[in-house]
Amino acid sequence: MSTSTDRNMIPYILTAIGSVFASVAVLWFYGYVHFAKEEDALLLADFTMLKSVPGEDIKLSLEPANQVAQCIDGVLVLLDTTQKGLSGVLVDKQKHAVRCAGQETPQQVK
């Protein structure tokens, strides 16, 4: 009679590790997992808000930025035009999403 202590556990451990790697590979292949690279990140420090003051002119570059802002479900989303699929939501210090004026804000699903 053999007990569980007599069994060789190495094949079970290797099967579990292999299953995790295979699952991650399949999820990555179908686009459910994305391994972010450093160049994918848009840092908030790259953006500045210019406050308009009555009577003062704002000087801007004639070249447009590589990002385009779009309202999606009432939230301001930045889409990168140089890297396909890269986007981000504009938030404040408390991680509150910046809303779009005139857009209906999303309601919490109950």
Protein backbone atom coordinates (compact mmCIF):
# COMPACT_ATOMS: atom_id res chain seq x y z
CA MET A 1 0.00 0.00 0.00
CA SER A 2 1.44 3.38 -0.94
CA THR A 3 0.72 6.67 0.77
CA SER A 4 0.86 10.19 -0.56
CA THR A 5 4.31 10.61 0.99
CA ASP A 6 5.63 7.75 -1.17
CA ARG A 7 4.53 9.44 -4.42
CA ASN A 8 6.87 11.56 -6.48
CA MET A 9 5.42 15.10 -6.37
CA ILE A 10 7.79 16.57 -8.98
CA PRO A 11 5.54 15.74 -11.99
CA TYR A 12 2.57 17.43 -10.25
CA ILE A 13 4.60 20.56 -9.50
CA LEU A 14 5.95 20.73 -13.06
CA THR A 15 2.42 20.26 -14.45
CA ALA A 16 1.11 23.11 -12.30
CA ILE A 17 3.94 25.46 -13.35
CA GLY A 18 3.51 24.48 -17.01
CA SER A 19 -0.24 25.11 -16.79
CA VAL A 20 0.32 28.63 -15.44
CA PHE A 21 2.80 29.44 -18.22
CA ALA A 22 0.50 27.99 -20.89
CA SER A 23 -2.49 29.95 -19.54
CA VAL A 24 -0.55 33.24 -19.55
CA ALA A 25 0.73 32.54 -23.08
CA VAL A 26 -2.79 31.88 -24.41
CA LEU A 27 -4.18 35.00 -22.68
CA TRP A 28 -1.32 37.10 -24.10
CA PHE A 29 -1.87 35.67 -27.62
CA TYR A 30 -5.56 36.64 -27.59
CA GLY A 31 -4.85 40.11 -26.16
CA TYR A 32 -6.25 39.64 -22.65
CA VAL A 33 -2.81 40.14 -21.07
CA HIS A 34 -0.51 43.00 -22.03
CA PHE A 35 3.05 43.25 -20.78
CA ALA A 36 3.60 47.02 -20.52
CA LYS A 37 6.89 48.49 -21.63
CA GLU A 38 8.40 51.65 -20.23
CA GLU A 39 7.74 53.54 -23.48
CA ASP A 40 4.03 52.64 -23.23
CA ALA A 41 3.55 54.80 -20.15
CA LEU A 42 2.27 58.36 -20.47
CA LEU A 43 3.43 60.27 -17.43
CA LEU A 44 1.24 62.98 -15.98
CA ALA A 45 4.37 65.12 -15.67
CA ASP A 46 4.36 65.32 -19.49
CA PHE A 47 1.15 67.38 -19.36
CA THR A 48 0.45 70.82 -17.94
CA MET A 49 -2.79 72.76 -17.66
CA LEU A 50 -2.54 76.34 -18.86
CA LYS A 51 -5.02 78.47 -16.95
CA SER A 52 -6.62 81.20 -19.01
CA VAL A 53 -6.48 84.62 -17.40
CA PRO A 54 -8.58 87.46 -18.84
CA GLY A 55 -6.38 89.91 -20.73
CA GLU A 56 -3.38 87.57 -21.06
CA ASP A 57 -2.42 85.68 -24.20
CA ILE A 58 -1.44 82.02 -24.10
CA LYS A 59 1.44 81.02 -26.36
CA LEU A 60 1.14 77.52 -27.85
CA SER A 61 3.24 75.52 -30.28
CA LEU A 62 1.85 75.16 -33.79
CA GLU A 63 2.73 71.44 -33.78
CA PRO A 64 -0.03 69.25 -32.34
CA ALA A 65 0.66 66.76 -29.54
CA ASN A 66 0.90 63.03 -30.19
CA GLN A 67 -2.24 62.50 -28.10
CA VAL A 68 -5.89 63.14 -28.93
CA ALA A 69 -8.51 63.71 -26.24
CA GLN A 70 -11.90 62.06 -26.66
CA CYS A 71 -15.00 61.85 -24.48
CA ILE A 72 -15.96 58.24 -23.86
CA ASP A 73 -18.91 57.64 -21.51
CA GLY A 74 -18.49 61.14 -20.06
CA VAL A 75 -14.81 60.64 -19.17
CA LEU A 76 -11.85 62.37 -20.87
CA VAL A 77 -9.63 59.72 -22.48
CA LEU A 78 -6.26 60.42 -24.10
CA LEU A 79 -5.46 58.31 -27.15
CA ASP A 80 -1.87 58.11 -28.42
CA THR A 81 -1.57 58.57 -32.18
CA THR A 82 1.96 57.12 -32.43
CA GLN A 83 1.41 53.81 -30.60
CA LYS A 84 -1.65 51.79 -31.57
CA GLY A 85 -3.92 50.86 -28.69
CA LEU A 86 -2.23 53.09 -26.09
CA SER A 87 -4.69 55.18 -24.14
CA GLY A 88 -5.24 56.57 -20.67
CA VAL A 89 -7.88 58.26 -18.55
CA LEU A 90 -7.10 61.76 -17.28
CA VAL A 91 -7.41 61.88 -13.46
CA ASP A 92 -6.67 64.34 -10.65
CA LYS A 93 -4.51 63.78 -7.53
CA GLN A 94 -7.24 61.73 -5.83
CA LYS A 95 -7.67 59.49 -8.92
CA HIS A 96 -11.02 61.12 -9.81
CA ALA A 97 -11.65 60.92 -13.54
CA VAL A 98 -11.89 64.25 -15.38
CA ARG A 99 -15.40 64.52 -16.83
CA CYS A 100 -16.36 66.00 -20.17
CA ALA A 101 -18.65 69.04 -20.22
CA GLY A 102 -21.99 68.38 -21.89
CA GLN A 103 -21.55 64.64 -21.70
CA GLU A 104 -23.73 62.32 -19.68
CA THR A 105 -21.75 60.84 -16.77
CA PRO A 106 -21.81 57.08 -16.40
CA GLN A 107 -24.09 55.76 -13.68
CA GLN A 108 -23.18 52.99 -11.29
CA VAL A 109 -24.78 49.69 -12.25
CA LYS A 110 -27.02 48.36 -9.48
